[in-house]
Amino acid sequence: MIVGLATAFLCALAPATPASGSTAAAADPLRPYVQQAPRWQRCDAEHPATFTCATLTVPLDYGDPGGRTTEVAVSRVKATGAQERRGVLLLNPGGPNGPGLDLPVSLGPDLPAEVRERYDLIGFDPRGIGRSSPVGCALTAEEQDLERPYSPGTFAKDVEWARTVAAKCRAAEGDRLRHLTTRNTARDMDLVRAVLGEEKISYLGFSYGTYLGAVYAQMFPRRTDRFVLDSAPDPAGYGRGMFQEMARAAGPAFTRWSEWTARRHATYGLGRTPAEVRTTFWDLVARADRAPVDVGGTRYTGDAIRARRALFSRVERAASWVAELKRAAGGEGPQPSGGPERRPSPLASASAREVPPDNEAASAWAVLCADTRESWPRDPERYRRDAVRDRARYPLSGDFESGIRPCAFWEPGSEPRTTVANGVPALILQNEWDPSTPLAGGRAMHRALSGSRMVTVAGGEGHIVNGTNACADEAAARYLTTGRLPAKDLTC
């Protein structure tokens, strides 16, 4: 049934062409959406007048296009015109809660000139996010906090947190939640394509955005042009398995960091051997559990230190931060903050009054849980057992990643998640030491997209390749401008 539904949308959302008989009848339910004319206006006074925005109306439920609707905010920077125009390049920053409306201006200048010359850059806030009919659950600041390490003394509270978040979202948003899915966002993308009068779309997506791009390619293979997927997860593990894969990958990254740091004991003073470095780190964790360590005004418990687990994929930054922790634990004067990185809020000044303050957290749970409800056990005791087991297996972060989440109490989405397996061409970019979408996940995406090529940045650190490696950037630019994938997988 779902395959048939996707096929129907594939035909229905095509640019309007003369049709007759059953083809025209099949297109009728979505014809009003396809024929809407975007009212392009300047997005805001802070960005160039060439950066324009519009709002499109889309079905909340594509299975009932005559029913309730929702809105999708779209932005555009037109191709510069120095080269022959190729079409549109849709952009997605990841998430699944990432607003992308500002990407044509925030990311656009970093794209090669030949890409900007050939493509209209199209940003959009996915449904339920940012300016696209944003969801809100009236979550408190504490309820928005994802970091929940396992402790026997706090587990009952964590279960209640997960249950409360799910209940508050259900009360606030009701039946709308089940339609905030990746599959429906892919359909929204295809509606954007049709409204813009394009036969196909090209795409640049990051992190979760690679999964969104893969789902679009699965649902609309004949509408897929040149797709670049930067930092991909395993599409089969999307859901709870995605978090648990992060815990597995954290161990090798931590080992690599301890080896790198031991070779630089004269600089960091954390140990002359990898074993000594690891001992220093775990001694700091134990000390901070007894009495929090103040680093630049931020008080770190042992769990808060472990919560910076992603940092260890960047060996130099991690060594500097742990050295600061050690000095702070010894009472050696004022220290820099070393606080967690924060993603800027795109177009925040223009949209802060319109978007619920908990939209980032609420939309993340809405999409993830609706997509992957079947991957989350209902029984809280299962999470307790898994957290205890994985804390022992992966001491840096196993209990964080296997702990309970609101998805345990969420209602299922409107349809099962997508199985990604197709031969649509795509280019996958992956860092070797990515803490959020580990290399194994990128390789799994490569296998699922059998027509893809993969560029691996050997020794590449951190999450997201774009702008960090000239070799990978050149491969992506070449593909977007010429349509030629590398003859074989590359290592940069």
Protein backbone atom coordinates (compact mmCIF):
# COMPACT_ATOMS: atom_id res chain seq x y z
CA MET A 1 0.00 0.00 0.00
CA ILE A 2 2.79 2.43 0.89
CA VAL A 3 4.67 1.71 -2.35
CA GLY A 4 1.49 2.40 -4.30
CA LEU A 5 0.98 5.64 -2.40
CA ALA A 6 4.51 6.83 -3.21
CA THR A 7 4.02 5.99 -6.87
CA ALA A 8 0.80 7.98 -6.95
CA PHE A 9 2.56 11.01 -5.51
CA LEU A 10 5.38 10.61 -8.00
CA CYS A 11 2.89 11.12 -10.80
CA ALA A 12 0.65 13.61 -9.04
CA LEU A 13 3.39 16.05 -8.16
CA ALA A 14 4.91 16.24 -11.63
CA PRO A 15 4.90 19.71 -13.22
CA ALA A 16 1.53 20.35 -14.81
CA THR A 17 1.38 18.97 -18.35
CA PRO A 18 -1.55 18.17 -20.62
CA ALA A 19 -3.11 14.92 -19.48
CA SER A 20 -6.28 12.99 -19.99
CA GLY A 21 -8.27 10.13 -18.59
CA SER A 22 -7.04 8.37 -15.47
CA THR A 23 -3.75 10.32 -15.35
CA ALA A 24 -5.56 13.65 -15.01
CA ALA A 25 -7.95 12.19 -12.47
CA ALA A 26 -5.11 10.84 -10.37
CA ALA A 27 -3.51 14.31 -10.32
CA ASP A 28 -6.67 16.15 -9.27
CA PRO A 29 -6.40 15.82 -5.45
CA LEU A 30 -3.02 17.56 -5.38
CA ARG A 31 -3.54 19.91 -8.32
CA PRO A 32 -4.44 22.92 -6.10
CA TYR A 33 -1.19 22.48 -4.16
CA VAL A 34 0.94 22.14 -7.29
CA GLN A 35 -0.66 25.17 -8.91
CA GLN A 36 -0.18 27.57 -5.98
CA ALA A 37 1.97 30.56 -6.87
CA PRO A 38 4.64 31.37 -4.26
CA ARG A 39 4.66 34.99 -3.08
CA TRP A 40 8.39 35.60 -2.94
CA GLN A 41 9.29 38.43 -0.55
CA ARG A 42 12.51 39.61 1.04
CA CYS A 43 13.18 37.30 3.98
CA ASP A 44 14.35 40.02 6.36
CA ALA A 45 16.25 43.27 6.51
CA GLU A 46 19.45 41.62 7.73
CA HIS A 47 20.10 39.63 4.57
CA PRO A 48 20.43 40.65 0.90
CA ALA A 49 17.33 41.46 -1.07
CA THR A 50 18.21 38.53 -3.35
CA PHE A 51 17.37 36.19 -0.44
CA THR A 52 13.61 35.74 -0.72
CA CYS A 53 11.09 33.65 1.18
CA ALA A 54 7.64 32.22 0.56
CA THR A 55 5.19 29.99 2.38
CA LEU A 56 3.59 26.98 0.71
CA THR A 57 0.50 25.12 1.84
CA VAL A 58 0.84 21.33 1.87
CA PRO A 59 -1.45 18.48 3.01
CA LEU A 60 -0.93 17.47 6.61
CA ASP A 61 -1.79 13.93 5.51
CA TYR A 62 -0.95 13.15 1.89
CA GLY A 63 -3.33 10.20 2.10
CA ASP A 64 -6.12 12.75 2.60
CA PRO A 65 -5.08 15.76 0.47
CA GLY A 66 -8.52 17.33 0.83
CA GLY A 67 -8.24 17.39 4.62
CA ARG A 68 -6.17 19.45 7.04
CA THR A 69 -3.18 21.41 5.79
CA THR A 70 0.09 22.67 7.18
CA GLU A 71 2.68 25.18 5.99
CA VAL A 72 6.25 24.88 4.75
CA ALA A 73 8.49 27.96 4.66
CA VAL A 74 10.83 28.05 1.66
CA SER A 75 13.69 30.41 0.74
CA ARG A 76 15.63 31.01 -2.44
CA VAL A 77 18.77 32.64 -3.78
CA LYS A 78 18.65 32.49 -7.56
CA ALA A 79 21.52 31.19 -9.67
CA THR A 80 23.98 33.94 -10.52
CA GLY A 81 23.65 33.15 -14.22
CA ALA A 82 27.33 33.21 -15.18
CA GLN A 83 26.95 29.57 -16.26
CA GLU A 84 24.01 27.70 -17.78
CA ARG A 85 21.44 27.09 -15.06
CA ARG A 86 21.12 23.45 -14.00
CA GLY A 87 18.08 23.71 -11.73
CA VAL A 88 17.45 23.85 -7.98
CA LEU A 89 19.68 22.64 -5.14
CA LEU A 90 17.70 21.93 -1.99
CA LEU A 91 19.61 22.22 1.27
CA ASN A 92 19.03 20.58 4.65
CA PRO A 93 21.20 21.08 7.77
CA GLY A 94 20.26 17.89 9.63
CA GLY A 95 18.43 17.37 12.86
CA PRO A 96 15.78 16.03 12.45
CA ASN A 97 14.96 19.37 14.08
CA GLY A 98 17.19 21.62 11.98
CA PRO A 99 15.65 24.75 10.45
CA GLY A 100 17.12 25.29 6.99
CA LEU A 101 15.51 28.50 5.84
CA ASP A 102 18.74 30.51 6.11
CA LEU A 103 21.03 27.99 4.38
CA PRO A 104 21.08 29.77 0.99
CA VAL A 105 22.78 32.73 2.70
CA SER A 106 24.64 31.03 5.57
CA LEU A 107 26.00 28.12 3.54
CA GLY A 108 25.76 29.59 0.04
CA PRO A 109 28.91 31.74 0.18
CA ASP A 110 30.93 28.66 1.14
CA LEU A 111 29.81 26.76 -1.95
CA PRO A 112 32.02 26.99 -5.05
CA ALA A 113 31.14 29.76 -7.47
CA GLU A 114 30.39 27.27 -10.22
CA VAL A 115 27.70 25.66 -8.02
CA ARG A 116 26.08 29.00 -7.18
CA GLU A 117 26.15 29.92 -10.88
CA ARG A 118 24.24 26.81 -11.94
CA TYR A 119 21.66 26.35 -9.18
CA ASP A 120 18.93 28.24 -7.42
CA LEU A 121 19.76 27.53 -3.76
CA ILE A 122 16.58 26.46 -1.96
CA GLY A 123 16.31 26.39 1.82
CA PHE A 124 13.31 25.22 3.80
CA ASP A 125 12.18 24.60 7.34
CA PRO A 126 10.79 21.04 7.40
CA ARG A 127 7.22 20.67 8.58
CA GLY A 128 6.81 21.37 12.30
CA ILE A 129 10.14 23.21 12.52
CA GLY A 130 11.06 26.89 12.58
CA ARG A 131 8.62 28.87 10.45
CA SER A 132 6.85 25.79 9.05
CA SER A 133 3.82 25.54 11.38
CA PRO A 134 6.17 24.87 14.32
CA VAL A 135 5.26 22.37 17.01
CA GLY A 136 5.45 23.23 20.68
CA CYS A 137 4.78 21.12 23.75
CA ALA A 138 5.25 23.70 26.53
CA LEU A 139 8.30 21.80 27.75
CA THR A 140 10.31 23.27 30.59
CA ALA A 141 14.06 23.80 30.25
CA GLU A 142 14.69 20.67 32.30
CA GLU A 143 12.30 18.64 30.16
CA GLN A 144 14.21 19.72 27.05
CA ASP A 145 17.48 18.32 28.45
CA LEU A 146 18.41 15.17 26.54
CA GLU A 147 21.41 14.14 28.65
CA ARG A 148 20.19 11.41 30.99
CA PRO A 149 23.02 9.21 32.30
CA TYR A 150 21.88 6.08 34.08
CA SER A 151 21.85 6.02 37.86
CA PRO A 152 19.78 3.70 40.07
CA GLY A 153 18.76 6.73 42.11
CA THR A 154 17.49 8.80 39.18
CA PHE A 155 16.11 6.17 36.80
CA ALA A 156 12.52 6.47 38.02
CA LYS A 157 12.72 10.23 37.50
CA ASP A 158 14.07 9.69 33.98
CA VAL A 159 11.18 7.35 33.15
CA GLU A 160 8.75 9.99 34.37
CA TRP A 161 10.56 12.63 32.26
CA ALA A 162 10.19 10.54 29.11
CA ARG A 163 6.53 9.80 29.86
CA THR A 164 5.80 13.48 30.61
CA VAL A 165 7.41 14.78 27.41
CA ALA A 166 5.38 12.35 25.31
CA ALA A 167 2.17 13.20 27.18
CA LYS A 168 2.67 16.98 26.93
CA CYS A 169 3.36 16.78 23.19
CA ARG A 170 0.32 14.59 22.66
CA ALA A 171 -1.85 17.03 24.61
CA ALA A 172 -0.48 20.07 22.78
CA GLU A 173 -0.34 18.75 19.22
CA GLY A 174 -2.71 15.80 19.12
CA ASP A 175 -3.15 13.92 15.87
CA ARG A 176 -0.77 16.28 14.03
CA LEU A 177 2.22 14.50 15.56
CA ARG A 178 1.71 11.30 13.59
CA HIS A 179 2.13 13.18 10.31
CA LEU A 180 5.45 14.87 11.20
CA THR A 181 7.54 12.19 9.53
CA THR A 182 10.53 12.01 7.23
CA ARG A 183 8.38 10.47 4.50
CA ASN A 184 6.00 13.42 4.60
CA THR A 185 8.90 15.88 4.57
CA ALA A 186 10.16 14.08 1.46
CA ARG A 187 6.72 14.54 -0.08
CA ASP A 188 6.86 18.22 0.86
CA MET A 189 10.21 18.46 -0.95
CA ASP A 190 8.64 16.96 -4.02
CA LEU A 191 5.76 19.41 -3.82
CA VAL A 192 8.32 22.25 -3.63
CA ARG A 193 9.88 20.80 -6.78
CA ALA A 194 6.54 20.72 -8.57
CA VAL A 195 5.53 24.23 -7.51
CA LEU A 196 8.86 25.54 -8.80
CA GLY A 197 8.21 23.82 -12.13
CA GLU A 198 11.25 21.56 -11.96
CA GLU A 199 11.44 18.03 -13.37
CA LYS A 200 14.06 17.01 -10.80
CA ILE A 201 15.86 18.35 -7.74
CA SER A 202 19.49 18.26 -6.70
CA TYR A 203 20.23 18.15 -3.00
CA LEU A 204 22.90 18.79 -0.38
CA GLY A 205 22.06 17.33 3.03
CA PHE A 206 24.02 16.98 6.25
CA SER A 207 23.73 14.36 9.03
CA TYR A 208 20.02 13.48 9.40
CA GLY A 209 19.60 15.39 6.14
CA THR A 210 21.41 12.52 4.41
CA TYR A 211 18.73 10.14 5.66
CA LEU A 212 16.04 12.54 4.44
CA GLY A 213 17.77 12.66 1.04
CA ALA A 214 17.99 8.87 0.90
CA VAL A 215 14.29 8.56 1.71
CA TYR A 216 13.46 11.04 -1.05
CA ALA A 217 15.57 9.03 -3.50
CA GLN A 218 13.75 5.86 -2.43
CA MET A 219 10.30 7.40 -2.84
CA PHE A 220 10.99 9.55 -5.90
CA PRO A 221 13.90 7.99 -7.80
CA ARG A 222 12.93 9.58 -11.13
CA ARG A 223 12.91 13.04 -9.52
CA THR A 224 16.37 12.65 -8.00
CA ASP A 225 19.16 14.49 -9.83
CA ARG A 226 22.52 15.11 -8.12
CA PHE A 227 22.48 14.26 -4.43
CA VAL A 228 25.40 14.94 -2.06
CA LEU A 229 25.04 13.34 1.38
CA ASP A 230 27.49 14.67 3.97
CA SER A 231 27.97 12.54 7.12
CA ALA A 232 25.46 9.72 6.80
CA PRO A 233 24.05 7.29 9.37
CA ASP A 234 23.10 3.70 8.73
CA PRO A 235 19.55 4.05 7.34
CA ALA A 236 18.59 0.66 8.77
CA GLY A 237 19.70 1.79 12.25
CA TYR A 238 17.82 5.09 12.20
CA GLY A 239 16.09 5.27 15.56
CA ARG A 240 17.37 3.78 18.79
CA GLY A 241 20.18 1.96 17.01
CA MET A 242 21.57 5.28 15.81
CA PHE A 243 22.26 6.36 19.40
CA GLN A 244 23.73 3.00 20.35
CA GLU A 245 26.10 3.08 17.38
CA MET A 246 27.46 6.39 18.71
CA ALA A 247 28.35 4.64 21.97
CA ARG A 248 30.15 1.83 20.14
CA ALA A 249 32.14 4.31 18.06
CA ALA A 250 33.09 6.43 21.08
CA GLY A 251 35.38 3.69 22.41
CA PRO A 252 37.84 3.59 19.48
CA ALA A 253 37.84 7.41 19.34
CA PHE A 254 38.68 7.59 23.05
CA THR A 255 41.49 5.05 22.58
CA ARG A 256 42.90 7.02 19.66
CA TRP A 257 42.78 10.20 21.77
CA SER A 258 44.63 8.57 24.66
CA GLU A 259 47.38 7.37 22.30
CA TRP A 260 47.71 10.78 20.64
CA THR A 261 47.78 12.58 23.97
CA ALA A 262 50.36 10.23 25.52
CA ARG A 263 52.78 11.14 22.73
CA ARG A 264 52.39 14.79 23.80
CA HIS A 265 52.77 14.47 27.54
CA ALA A 266 55.20 17.39 27.56
CA THR A 267 52.39 19.62 26.24
CA TYR A 268 49.37 18.37 28.15
CA GLY A 269 50.74 16.57 31.19
CA LEU A 270 48.06 13.88 31.15
CA GLY A 271 50.26 10.77 31.04
CA ARG A 272 53.22 9.27 29.21
CA THR A 273 51.37 6.16 28.07
CA PRO A 274 47.82 5.67 26.80
CA ALA A 275 47.00 3.77 29.98
CA GLU A 276 48.20 6.68 32.11
CA VAL A 277 46.13 9.15 30.06
CA ARG A 278 43.01 7.04 30.50
CA THR A 279 43.67 6.73 34.22
CA THR A 280 44.03 10.51 34.50
CA PHE A 281 40.70 10.99 32.73
CA TRP A 282 38.76 8.47 34.82
CA ASP A 283 40.31 9.83 38.03
CA LEU A 284 38.96 13.26 37.02
CA VAL A 285 35.51 11.77 36.42
CA ALA A 286 35.53 10.12 39.84
CA ARG A 287 36.75 13.31 41.52
CA ALA A 288 34.05 15.37 39.81
CA ASP A 289 31.43 12.88 41.00
CA ARG A 290 32.55 13.58 44.56
CA ALA A 291 32.71 17.37 44.07
CA PRO A 292 31.97 19.16 40.77
CA VAL A 293 34.92 20.80 39.02
CA ASP A 294 34.48 24.49 38.14
CA VAL A 295 35.83 25.36 34.70
CA GLY A 296 35.27 28.99 33.77
CA GLY A 297 32.04 29.19 35.75
CA THR A 298 30.64 25.86 34.51
CA ARG A 299 30.47 23.15 37.17
CA TYR A 300 31.16 19.67 35.81
CA THR A 301 30.10 16.49 37.53
CA GLY A 302 31.58 13.21 36.35
CA ASP A 303 28.50 12.59 34.22
CA ALA A 304 28.77 16.08 32.73
CA ILE A 305 32.37 15.32 31.76
CA ARG A 306 31.27 12.09 30.08
CA ALA A 307 28.52 14.00 28.32
CA ARG A 308 31.23 15.74 26.28
CA ARG A 309 31.90 12.38 24.67
CA ALA A 310 31.76 13.70 21.11
CA LEU A 311 34.77 15.92 21.82
CA PHE A 312 37.16 12.95 21.85
CA SER A 313 36.95 12.56 18.09
CA ARG A 314 38.93 15.85 17.95
CA VAL A 315 42.11 14.83 19.70
CA GLU A 316 43.78 18.23 20.13
CA ARG A 317 40.68 19.97 21.42
CA ALA A 318 39.91 17.11 23.79
CA ALA A 319 43.46 17.07 25.17
CA SER A 320 43.36 20.81 25.81
CA TRP A 321 40.00 20.59 27.56
CA VAL A 322 40.94 17.64 29.78
CA ALA A 323 44.18 19.44 30.69
CA GLU A 324 42.08 22.45 31.75
CA LEU A 325 39.87 20.15 33.79
CA LYS A 326 42.90 18.73 35.53
CA ARG A 327 44.24 22.20 36.36
CA ALA A 328 40.81 23.31 37.57
CA ALA A 329 40.49 20.22 39.76
CA GLY A 330 43.82 21.20 41.29
CA GLY A 331 42.60 24.73 42.00
CA GLU A 332 44.94 26.44 39.54
CA GLY A 333 43.32 29.81 38.86
CA PRO A 334 40.64 30.91 36.35
CA GLN A 335 40.02 28.72 33.34
CA PRO A 336 38.29 29.15 29.99
CA SER A 337 34.75 27.87 29.89
CA GLY A 338 35.17 24.87 27.57
CA GLY A 339 31.38 24.74 27.52
CA PRO A 340 29.32 22.79 25.03
CA GLU A 341 29.00 24.09 21.52
CA ARG A 342 25.67 25.58 20.58
CA ARG A 343 24.15 25.59 17.12
CA PRO A 344 23.11 29.14 16.18
CA SER A 345 19.43 29.73 15.62
CA PRO A 346 19.02 30.73 11.97
CA LEU A 347 16.97 33.91 11.42
CA ALA A 348 16.35 34.01 15.16
CA SER A 349 15.80 37.77 15.30
CA ALA A 350 13.08 37.58 12.67
CA SER A 351 11.25 34.51 13.90
CA ALA A 352 11.76 34.30 17.68
CA ARG A 353 8.26 35.64 18.39
CA GLU A 354 6.66 33.07 16.08
CA VAL A 355 8.42 29.87 17.14
CA PRO A 356 7.67 28.15 20.48
CA PRO A 357 10.73 28.24 22.76
CA ASP A 358 10.78 24.44 22.95
CA ASN A 359 10.45 23.91 19.20
CA GLU A 360 13.97 22.51 18.82
CA ALA A 361 13.37 19.76 21.37
CA ALA A 362 9.70 19.18 20.55
CA SER A 363 10.29 18.83 16.82
CA ALA A 364 13.25 16.50 17.32
CA TRP A 365 11.12 14.08 19.33
CA ALA A 366 8.13 14.54 17.01
CA VAL A 367 10.00 13.44 13.90
CA LEU A 368 12.31 10.84 15.43
CA CYS A 369 9.62 9.12 17.47
CA ALA A 370 6.97 9.16 14.73
CA ASP A 371 9.51 7.70 12.30
CA THR A 372 10.95 5.01 14.53
CA ARG A 373 8.45 4.17 17.26
CA GLU A 374 8.83 0.43 16.55
CA SER A 375 12.54 0.54 17.47
CA TRP A 376 11.84 1.71 21.06
CA PRO A 377 10.74 -0.86 23.68
CA ARG A 378 7.69 -0.01 25.78
CA ASP A 379 8.99 -1.60 28.98
CA PRO A 380 11.11 0.84 31.08
CA GLU A 381 12.91 -2.12 32.64
CA ARG A 382 14.43 -2.91 29.24
CA TYR A 383 16.11 0.50 29.22
CA ARG A 384 17.44 -0.04 32.73
CA ARG A 385 19.02 -3.35 31.78
CA ASP A 386 20.44 -1.98 28.53
CA ALA A 387 21.88 1.11 30.22
CA VAL A 388 23.61 -0.98 32.89
CA ARG A 389 24.97 -3.36 30.27
CA ASP A 390 26.19 -0.63 27.93
CA ARG A 391 27.74 1.46 30.71
CA ALA A 392 29.96 -1.59 31.33
CA ARG A 393 30.62 -2.17 27.60
CA TYR A 394 31.11 1.46 26.62
CA PRO A 395 31.93 3.37 29.81
CA LEU A 396 32.31 6.74 28.12
CA SER A 397 28.69 6.98 26.96
CA GLY A 398 26.91 3.62 26.80
CA ASP A 399 24.31 4.47 29.43
CA PHE A 400 23.57 7.85 27.81
CA GLU A 401 22.79 6.24 24.46
CA SER A 402 20.81 3.23 25.71
CA GLY A 403 18.77 5.14 28.28
CA ILE A 404 15.07 5.81 28.08
CA ARG A 405 13.67 8.43 25.70
CA PRO A 406 10.21 9.93 25.10
CA CYS A 407 9.88 7.64 22.07
CA ALA A 408 9.15 4.80 24.52
CA PHE A 409 5.76 6.40 25.17
CA TRP A 410 5.07 8.00 21.78
CA GLU A 411 2.23 7.11 19.46
CA PRO A 412 3.30 5.55 16.13
CA GLY A 413 3.60 7.70 13.04
CA SER A 414 1.15 7.49 10.17
CA GLU A 415 3.17 4.80 8.34
CA PRO A 416 6.24 2.60 8.81
CA ARG A 417 9.66 4.06 8.16
CA THR A 418 11.29 3.66 4.78
CA THR A 419 13.60 0.82 3.84
CA VAL A 420 16.40 2.43 1.83
CA ALA A 421 17.71 0.17 -0.93
CA ASN A 422 18.08 1.57 -4.44
CA GLY A 423 20.55 2.30 -7.22
CA VAL A 424 19.99 6.05 -7.46
CA PRO A 425 23.34 7.87 -7.96
CA ALA A 426 24.61 9.88 -5.00
CA LEU A 427 27.89 11.06 -3.46
CA ILE A 428 28.51 10.31 0.22
CA LEU A 429 31.11 12.29 2.19
CA GLN A 430 32.33 10.87 5.50
CA ASN A 431 34.97 11.69 8.11
CA GLU A 432 36.89 8.73 9.52
CA TRP A 433 36.42 10.00 13.10
CA ASP A 434 32.87 11.30 13.13
CA PRO A 435 31.31 10.95 16.61
CA SER A 436 27.69 11.55 15.55
CA THR A 437 27.46 9.57 12.31
CA PRO A 438 30.31 7.07 12.65
CA LEU A 439 32.15 5.76 9.60
CA ALA A 440 30.40 2.39 9.82
CA GLY A 441 27.07 4.15 9.33
CA GLY A 442 28.30 5.98 6.24
CA ARG A 443 29.47 2.70 4.77
CA ALA A 444 26.07 1.16 5.47
CA MET A 445 24.38 4.07 3.66
CA HIS A 446 26.79 3.50 0.75
CA ARG A 447 25.73 -0.16 0.56
CA ALA A 448 22.05 0.76 0.73
CA LEU A 449 22.50 3.27 -2.11
CA SER A 450 24.16 0.89 -4.53
CA GLY A 451 24.57 3.59 -7.19
CA SER A 452 26.53 5.86 -4.86
CA ARG A 453 30.21 6.64 -4.50
CA MET A 454 31.83 7.38 -1.15
CA VAL A 455 34.56 9.85 -0.26
CA THR A 456 36.23 9.04 3.07
CA VAL A 457 38.44 11.66 4.72
CA ALA A 458 41.24 9.62 6.30
CA GLY A 459 41.94 11.04 9.74
CA GLY A 460 39.01 13.43 9.31
CA GLU A 461 37.74 14.60 12.70
CA GLY A 462 34.36 15.84 13.80
CA HIS A 463 30.89 15.86 12.37
CA ILE A 464 30.35 17.28 8.84
CA VAL A 465 32.94 17.21 6.05
CA ASN A 466 31.91 20.27 4.03
CA GLY A 467 34.50 23.03 4.20
CA THR A 468 37.08 20.97 6.11
CA ASN A 469 38.86 19.05 3.33
CA ALA A 470 39.71 20.41 -0.11
CA CYS A 471 39.81 16.98 -1.73
CA ALA A 472 36.28 16.10 -0.58
CA ASP A 473 34.96 19.57 -1.41
CA GLU A 474 36.35 19.30 -4.93
CA ALA A 475 34.72 15.91 -5.45
CA ALA A 476 31.34 17.31 -4.36
CA ALA A 477 31.67 20.43 -6.53
CA ARG A 478 32.69 18.34 -9.54
CA TYR A 479 29.67 16.09 -9.13
CA LEU A 480 27.21 18.95 -8.69
CA THR A 481 28.54 20.86 -11.70
CA THR A 482 29.25 18.01 -14.14
CA GLY A 483 27.10 15.14 -12.90
CA ARG A 484 30.12 12.82 -12.94
CA LEU A 485 30.62 10.65 -9.89
CA PRO A 486 34.15 9.45 -9.12
CA ALA A 487 35.01 6.31 -11.06
CA LYS A 488 35.53 4.54 -7.73
CA ASP A 489 35.34 5.32 -4.04
CA LEU A 490 37.93 7.84 -2.89
CA THR A 491 40.04 8.30 0.20
CA CYS A 492 41.12 11.88 0.81
